[in-house]
Amino acid sequence: MKQDKFSLARLAMYGGCSKSFISHLLSERRTSCTPELAERLAMALRVPCEVLFEPKSSPTGGATVNRVRKVSA
């Protein structure tokens, strides 16, 4: 995010989510999101989705992704 001068608000806009959701992902208070959101965030940051997230099946049968590593804000 620093490299491309992304703010939380800008990344949230690209992702279609709230600034607080991005903040929670970065601080690891939130560890998963939908695959669609993960793709939008990765595309906005111009990195492969696998750099940020790993696929996971949820207990309810829906798809989610887990954070792989912390990304500097």
PDB file of N, CA and C in Angstrom:
ATOM      1  N   MET A   1       0.825  -1.188   0.000  1.00  0.00           N
ATOM      2  CA  MET A   1       0.000   0.000   0.000  1.00  0.00           C
ATOM      3  C   MET A   1       0.872   1.256   0.000  1.00  0.00           C
ATOM      4  N   LYS A   2       1.961   1.237   0.746  1.00  0.00           N
ATOM      5  CA  LYS A   2       2.850   2.406   0.781  1.00  0.00           C
ATOM      6  C   LYS A   2       3.439   2.675  -0.590  1.00  0.00           C
ATOM      7  N   GLN A   3       3.832   1.623  -1.261  1.00  0.00           N
ATOM      8  CA  GLN A   3       4.471   1.748  -2.575  1.00  0.00           C
ATOM      9  C   GLN A   3       3.578   2.482  -3.570  1.00  0.00           C
ATOM     10  N   ASP A   4       2.294   2.160  -3.578  1.00  0.00           N
ATOM     11  CA  ASP A   4       1.364   2.777  -4.517  1.00  0.00           C
ATOM     12  C   ASP A   4       0.580   3.929  -3.905  1.00  0.00           C
ATOM     13  N   LYS A   5       0.970   4.349  -2.694  1.00  0.00           N
ATOM     14  CA  LYS A   5       0.315   5.455  -1.990  1.00  0.00           C
ATOM     15  C   LYS A   5      -1.182   5.222  -1.831  1.00  0.00           C
ATOM     16  N   PHE A   6      -1.540   4.014  -1.429  1.00  0.00           N
ATOM     17  CA  PHE A   6      -2.934   3.662  -1.182  1.00  0.00           C
ATOM     18  C   PHE A   6      -3.297   4.014   0.245  1.00  0.00           C
ATOM     19  N   SER A   7      -4.399   4.681   0.425  1.00  0.00           N
ATOM     20  CA  SER A   7      -4.944   4.914   1.754  1.00  0.00           C
ATOM     21  C   SER A   7      -5.967   3.816   2.030  1.00  0.00           C
ATOM     22  N   LEU A   8      -6.386   3.706   3.281  1.00  0.00           N
ATOM     23  CA  LEU A   8      -7.442   2.742   3.610  1.00  0.00           C
ATOM     24  C   LEU A   8      -8.701   3.060   2.813  1.00  0.00           C
ATOM     25  N   ALA A   9      -9.007   4.343   2.697  1.00  0.00           N
ATOM     26  CA  ALA A   9     -10.217   4.749   1.974  1.00  0.00           C
ATOM     27  C   ALA A   9     -10.139   4.364   0.502  1.00  0.00           C
ATOM     28  N   ARG A  10      -8.986   4.567  -0.104  1.00  0.00           N
ATOM     29  CA  ARG A  10      -8.839   4.241  -1.527  1.00  0.00           C
ATOM     30  C   ARG A  10      -8.941   2.738  -1.762  1.00  0.00           C
ATOM     31  N   LEU A  11      -8.272   1.943  -0.919  1.00  0.00           N
ATOM     32  CA  LEU A  11      -8.348   0.495  -1.077  1.00  0.00           C
ATOM     33  C   LEU A  11      -9.771  -0.004  -0.811  1.00  0.00           C
ATOM     34  N   ALA A  12     -10.432   0.571   0.177  1.00  0.00           N
ATOM     35  CA  ALA A  12     -11.814   0.196   0.467  1.00  0.00           C
ATOM     36  C   ALA A  12     -12.718   0.508  -0.722  1.00  0.00           C
ATOM     37  N   MET A  13     -12.481   1.644  -1.372  1.00  0.00           N
ATOM     38  CA  MET A  13     -13.275   2.015  -2.538  1.00  0.00           C
ATOM     39  C   MET A  13     -13.089   0.985  -3.651  1.00  0.00           C
ATOM     40  N   TYR A  14     -11.843   0.604  -3.934  1.00  0.00           N
ATOM     41  CA  TYR A  14     -11.578  -0.408  -4.961  1.00  0.00           C
ATOM     42  C   TYR A  14     -12.190  -1.758  -4.583  1.00  0.00           C
ATOM     43  N   GLY A  15     -12.133  -2.085  -3.305  1.00  0.00           N
ATOM     44  CA  GLY A  15     -12.642  -3.370  -2.861  1.00  0.00           C
ATOM     45  C   GLY A  15     -14.150  -3.422  -2.718  1.00  0.00           C
ATOM     46  N   GLY A  16     -14.764  -2.257  -2.581  1.00  0.00           N
ATOM     47  CA  GLY A  16     -16.206  -2.221  -2.365  1.00  0.00           C
ATOM     48  C   GLY A  16     -16.573  -2.600  -0.942  1.00  0.00           C
ATOM     49  N   CYS A  17     -15.729  -2.185   0.001  1.00  0.00           N
ATOM     50  CA  CYS A  17     -15.990  -2.474   1.410  1.00  0.00           C
ATOM     51  C   CYS A  17     -15.674  -1.221   2.219  1.00  0.00           C
ATOM     52  N   SER A  18     -15.761  -1.323   3.523  1.00  0.00           N
ATOM     53  CA  SER A  18     -15.515  -0.161   4.379  1.00  0.00           C
ATOM     54  C   SER A  18     -14.035  -0.022   4.748  1.00  0.00           C
ATOM     55  N   LYS A  19     -13.657   1.202   5.129  1.00  0.00           N
ATOM     56  CA  LYS A  19     -12.295   1.438   5.607  1.00  0.00           C
ATOM     57  C   LYS A  19     -12.029   0.599   6.849  1.00  0.00           C
ATOM     58  N   SER A  20     -13.031   0.465   7.697  1.00  0.00           N
ATOM     59  CA  SER A  20     -12.834  -0.304   8.928  1.00  0.00           C
ATOM     60  C   SER A  20     -12.579  -1.781   8.624  1.00  0.00           C
ATOM     61  N   PHE A  21     -13.207  -2.312   7.569  1.00  0.00           N
ATOM     62  CA  PHE A  21     -12.959  -3.708   7.199  1.00  0.00           C
ATOM     63  C   PHE A  21     -11.502  -3.890   6.779  1.00  0.00           C
ATOM     64  N   ILE A  22     -10.978  -2.962   5.971  1.00  0.00           N
ATOM     65  CA  ILE A  22      -9.575  -3.018   5.553  1.00  0.00           C
ATOM     66  C   ILE A  22      -8.678  -2.912   6.778  1.00  0.00           C
ATOM     67  N   SER A  23      -8.996  -1.999   7.673  1.00  0.00           N
ATOM     68  CA  SER A  23      -8.220  -1.835   8.893  1.00  0.00           C
ATOM     69  C   SER A  23      -8.203  -3.115   9.718  1.00  0.00           C
ATOM     70  N   HIS A  24      -9.335  -3.783   9.816  1.00  0.00           N
ATOM     71  CA  HIS A  24      -9.427  -5.035  10.566  1.00  0.00           C
ATOM     72  C   HIS A  24      -8.592  -6.133   9.909  1.00  0.00           C
ATOM     73  N   LEU A  25      -8.569  -6.189   8.574  1.00  0.00           N
ATOM     74  CA  LEU A  25      -7.719  -7.165   7.888  1.00  0.00           C
ATOM     75  C   LEU A  25      -6.243  -6.887   8.169  1.00  0.00           C
ATOM     76  N   LEU A  26      -5.857  -5.634   8.093  1.00  0.00           N
ATOM     77  CA  LEU A  26      -4.455  -5.273   8.307  1.00  0.00           C
ATOM     78  C   LEU A  26      -3.994  -5.532   9.732  1.00  0.00           C
ATOM     79  N   SER A  27      -4.886  -5.329  10.696  1.00  0.00           N
ATOM     80  CA  SER A  27      -4.522  -5.528  12.100  1.00  0.00           C
ATOM     81  C   SER A  27      -4.767  -6.961  12.572  1.00  0.00           C
ATOM     82  N   GLU A  28      -5.263  -7.787  11.676  1.00  0.00           N
ATOM     83  CA  GLU A  28      -5.563  -9.195  11.940  1.00  0.00           C
ATOM     84  C   GLU A  28      -6.695  -9.407  12.942  1.00  0.00           C
ATOM     85  N   ARG A  29      -7.539  -8.374  13.157  1.00  0.00           N
ATOM     86  CA  ARG A  29      -8.759  -8.570  13.943  1.00  0.00           C
ATOM     87  C   ARG A  29      -9.780  -9.319  13.109  1.00  0.00           C
ATOM     88  N   ARG A  30      -9.614  -9.243  11.802  1.00  0.00           N
ATOM     89  CA  ARG A  30     -10.438  -9.982  10.838  1.00  0.00           C
ATOM     90  C   ARG A  30      -9.468 -10.806  10.008  1.00  0.00           C
ATOM     91  N   THR A  31      -9.743 -12.100   9.846  1.00  0.00           N
ATOM     92  CA  THR A  31      -8.777 -12.964   9.156  1.00  0.00           C
ATOM     93  C   THR A  31      -9.303 -13.585   7.867  1.00  0.00           C
ATOM     94  N   SER A  32     -10.524 -13.274   7.483  1.00  0.00           N
ATOM     95  CA  SER A  32     -11.044 -13.856   6.253  1.00  0.00           C
ATOM     96  C   SER A  32     -12.005 -12.890   5.569  1.00  0.00           C
ATOM     97  N   CYS A  33     -12.258 -13.174   4.296  1.00  0.00           N
ATOM     98  CA  CYS A  33     -13.230 -12.411   3.518  1.00  0.00           C
ATOM     99  C   CYS A  33     -13.680 -13.289   2.364  1.00  0.00           C
ATOM    100  N   THR A  34     -14.559 -12.772   1.544  1.00  0.00           N
ATOM    101  CA  THR A  34     -15.030 -13.555   0.404  1.00  0.00           C
ATOM    102  C   THR A  34     -13.949 -13.608  -0.670  1.00  0.00           C
ATOM    103  N   PRO A  35     -13.964 -14.646  -1.481  1.00  0.00           N
ATOM    104  CA  PRO A  35     -13.000 -14.714  -2.582  1.00  0.00           C
ATOM    105  C   PRO A  35     -13.122 -13.513  -3.536  1.00  0.00           C
ATOM    106  N   GLU A  36     -14.328 -13.021  -3.742  1.00  0.00           N
ATOM    107  CA  GLU A  36     -14.534 -11.881  -4.638  1.00  0.00           C
ATOM    108  C   GLU A  36     -13.851 -10.623  -4.097  1.00  0.00           C
ATOM    109  N   LEU A  37     -14.005 -10.385  -2.801  1.00  0.00           N
ATOM    110  CA  LEU A  37     -13.353  -9.224  -2.196  1.00  0.00           C
ATOM    111  C   LEU A  37     -11.836  -9.390  -2.244  1.00  0.00           C
ATOM    112  N   ALA A  38     -11.357 -10.580  -1.971  1.00  0.00           N
ATOM    113  CA  ALA A  38      -9.915 -10.844  -2.021  1.00  0.00           C
ATOM    114  C   ALA A  38      -9.364 -10.539  -3.410  1.00  0.00           C
ATOM    115  N   GLU A  39     -10.070 -10.953  -4.446  1.00  0.00           N
ATOM    116  CA  GLU A  39      -9.633 -10.683  -5.824  1.00  0.00           C
ATOM    117  C   GLU A  39      -9.605  -9.192  -6.122  1.00  0.00           C
ATOM    118  N   ARG A  40     -10.631  -8.467  -5.672  1.00  0.00           N
ATOM    119  CA  ARG A  40     -10.672  -7.022  -5.925  1.00  0.00           C
ATOM    120  C   ARG A  40      -9.519  -6.308  -5.216  1.00  0.00           C
ATOM    121  N   LEU A  41      -9.231  -6.710  -3.980  1.00  0.00           N
ATOM    122  CA  LEU A  41      -8.135  -6.086  -3.235  1.00  0.00           C
ATOM    123  C   LEU A  41      -6.789  -6.392  -3.890  1.00  0.00           C
ATOM    124  N   ALA A  42      -6.600  -7.636  -4.272  1.00  0.00           N
ATOM    125  CA  ALA A  42      -5.345  -8.022  -4.914  1.00  0.00           C
ATOM    126  C   ALA A  42      -5.183  -7.290  -6.245  1.00  0.00           C
ATOM    127  N   MET A  43      -6.262  -7.163  -7.005  1.00  0.00           N
ATOM    128  CA  MET A  43      -6.195  -6.475  -8.287  1.00  0.00           C
ATOM    129  C   MET A  43      -5.849  -4.996  -8.071  1.00  0.00           C
ATOM    130  N   ALA A  44      -6.452  -4.382  -7.078  1.00  0.00           N
ATOM    131  CA  ALA A  44      -6.173  -2.969  -6.796  1.00  0.00           C
ATOM    132  C   ALA A  44      -4.711  -2.765  -6.416  1.00  0.00           C
ATOM    133  N   LEU A  45      -4.150  -3.715  -5.674  1.00  0.00           N
ATOM    134  CA  LEU A  45      -2.753  -3.614  -5.241  1.00  0.00           C
ATOM    135  C   LEU A  45      -1.775  -4.166  -6.277  1.00  0.00           C
ATOM    136  N   ARG A  46      -2.325  -4.721  -7.360  1.00  0.00           N
ATOM    137  CA  ARG A  46      -1.527  -5.285  -8.451  1.00  0.00           C
ATOM    138  C   ARG A  46      -0.589  -6.397  -7.976  1.00  0.00           C
ATOM    139  N   VAL A  47      -1.149  -7.309  -7.197  1.00  0.00           N
ATOM    140  CA  VAL A  47      -0.420  -8.497  -6.758  1.00  0.00           C
ATOM    141  C   VAL A  47      -1.324  -9.707  -6.960  1.00  0.00           C
ATOM    142  N   PRO A  48      -0.740 -10.902  -7.102  1.00  0.00           N
ATOM    143  CA  PRO A  48      -1.585 -12.104  -7.178  1.00  0.00           C
ATOM    144  C   PRO A  48      -2.352 -12.290  -5.866  1.00  0.00           C
ATOM    145  N   CYS A  49      -3.557 -12.755  -5.966  1.00  0.00           N
ATOM    146  CA  CYS A  49      -4.390 -12.965  -4.780  1.00  0.00           C
ATOM    147  C   CYS A  49      -3.692 -13.864  -3.754  1.00  0.00           C
ATOM    148  N   GLU A  50      -2.922 -14.841  -4.237  1.00  0.00           N
ATOM    149  CA  GLU A  50      -2.252 -15.790  -3.351  1.00  0.00           C
ATOM    150  C   GLU A  50      -1.200 -15.127  -2.466  1.00  0.00           C
ATOM    151  N   VAL A  51      -0.741 -13.954  -2.850  1.00  0.00           N
ATOM    152  CA  VAL A  51       0.224 -13.227  -2.024  1.00  0.00           C
ATOM    153  C   VAL A  51      -0.445 -12.743  -0.737  1.00  0.00           C
ATOM    154  N   LEU A  52      -1.724 -12.413  -0.832  1.00  0.00           N
ATOM    155  CA  LEU A  52      -2.450 -11.863   0.308  1.00  0.00           C
ATOM    156  C   LEU A  52      -3.312 -12.880   1.040  1.00  0.00           C
ATOM    157  N   PHE A  53      -3.860 -13.841   0.301  1.00  0.00           N
ATOM    158  CA  PHE A  53      -4.861 -14.750   0.858  1.00  0.00           C
ATOM    159  C   PHE A  53      -4.623 -16.186   0.414  1.00  0.00           C
ATOM    160  N   GLU A  54      -5.177 -17.123   1.186  1.00  0.00           N
ATOM    161  CA  GLU A  54      -5.177 -18.528   0.775  1.00  0.00           C
ATOM    162  C   GLU A  54      -6.609 -19.055   0.828  1.00  0.00           C
ATOM    163  N   PRO A  55      -6.995 -19.927  -0.108  1.00  0.00           N
ATOM    164  CA  PRO A  55      -8.362 -20.455  -0.151  1.00  0.00           C
ATOM    165  C   PRO A  55      -8.681 -21.280   1.092  1.00  0.00           C
ATOM    166  N   LYS A  56      -9.932 -21.267   1.472  1.00  0.00           N
ATOM    167  CA  LYS A  56     -10.397 -22.018   2.641  1.00  0.00           C
ATOM    168  C   LYS A  56     -11.874 -22.333   2.442  1.00  0.00           C
ATOM    169  N   SER A  57     -12.300 -23.484   2.902  1.00  0.00           N
ATOM    170  CA  SER A  57     -13.721 -23.816   2.896  1.00  0.00           C
ATOM    171  C   SER A  57     -14.292 -23.485   4.261  1.00  0.00           C
ATOM    172  N   SER A  58     -15.450 -22.855   4.270  1.00  0.00           N
ATOM    173  CA  SER A  58     -16.082 -22.534   5.543  1.00  0.00           C
ATOM    174  C   SER A  58     -16.906 -23.720   6.007  1.00  0.00           C
ATOM    175  N   PRO A  59     -17.178 -23.821   7.311  1.00  0.00           N
ATOM    176  CA  PRO A  59     -17.977 -24.932   7.837  1.00  0.00           C
ATOM    177  C   PRO A  59     -19.377 -24.990   7.241  1.00  0.00           C
ATOM    178  N   THR A  60     -19.882 -23.869   6.767  1.00  0.00           N
ATOM    179  CA  THR A  60     -21.230 -23.843   6.203  1.00  0.00           C
ATOM    180  C   THR A  60     -21.236 -24.169   4.721  1.00  0.00           C
ATOM    181  N   GLY A  61     -20.064 -24.474   4.175  1.00  0.00           N
ATOM    182  CA  GLY A  61     -19.979 -24.856   2.777  1.00  0.00           C
ATOM    183  C   GLY A  61     -19.681 -23.719   1.828  1.00  0.00           C
ATOM    184  N   GLY A  62     -19.664 -22.478   2.326  1.00  0.00           N
ATOM    185  CA  GLY A  62     -19.344 -21.336   1.476  1.00  0.00           C
ATOM    186  C   GLY A  62     -17.840 -21.161   1.356  1.00  0.00           C
ATOM    187  N   ALA A  63     -17.428 -20.507   0.332  1.00  0.00           N
ATOM    188  CA  ALA A  63     -15.998 -20.268   0.137  1.00  0.00           C
ATOM    189  C   ALA A  63     -15.584 -18.979   0.833  1.00  0.00           C
ATOM    190  N   THR A  64     -14.441 -18.999   1.458  1.00  0.00           N
ATOM    191  CA  THR A  64     -13.842 -17.804   2.030  1.00  0.00           C
ATOM    192  C   THR A  64     -12.348 -17.879   1.735  1.00  0.00           C
ATOM    193  N   VAL A  65     -11.646 -16.826   2.061  1.00  0.00           N
ATOM    194  CA  VAL A  65     -10.201 -16.842   1.960  1.00  0.00           C
ATOM    195  C   VAL A  65      -9.631 -16.350   3.286  1.00  0.00           C
ATOM    196  N   ASN A  66      -8.497 -16.881   3.671  1.00  0.00           N
ATOM    197  CA  ASN A  66      -7.808 -16.441   4.874  1.00  0.00           C
ATOM    198  C   ASN A  66      -6.631 -15.587   4.493  1.00  0.00           C
ATOM    199  N   ARG A  67      -6.291 -14.666   5.354  1.00  0.00           N
ATOM    200  CA  ARG A  67      -5.100 -13.857   5.117  1.00  0.00           C
ATOM    201  C   ARG A  67      -3.886 -14.730   5.223  1.00  0.00           C
ATOM    202  N   VAL A  68      -2.909 -14.509   4.367  1.00  0.00           N
ATOM    203  CA  VAL A  68      -1.676 -15.265   4.392  1.00  0.00           C
ATOM    204  C   VAL A  68      -0.612 -14.530   5.185  1.00  0.00           C
ATOM    205  N   ARG A  69      -0.435 -13.264   4.899  1.00  0.00           N
ATOM    206  CA  ARG A  69       0.571 -12.514   5.614  1.00  0.00           C
ATOM    207  C   ARG A  69       0.173 -11.063   5.732  1.00  0.00           C
ATOM    208  N   LYS A  70       0.763 -10.412   6.698  1.00  0.00           N
ATOM    209  CA  LYS A  70       0.458  -9.024   6.954  1.00  0.00           C
ATOM    210  C   LYS A  70       1.023  -8.141   5.853  1.00  0.00           C
ATOM    211  N   VAL A  71       0.224  -7.207   5.398  1.00  0.00           N
ATOM    212  CA  VAL A  71       0.620  -6.266   4.373  1.00  0.00           C
ATOM    213  C   VAL A  71       0.780  -4.920   5.055  1.00  0.00           C
ATOM    214  N   SER A  72       1.881  -4.255   4.860  1.00  0.00           N
ATOM    215  CA  SER A  72       2.130  -2.963   5.496  1.00  0.00           C
ATOM    216  C   SER A  72       1.148  -1.922   4.986  1.00  0.00           C
ATOM    217  N   ALA A  73       0.617  -1.163   5.905  1.00  0.00           N
ATOM    218  CA  ALA A  73      -0.338  -0.099   5.553  1.00  0.00           C
ATOM    219  C   ALA A  73       0.374   1.151   5.102  1.00  0.00           C
TER     220      ALA A  73
END
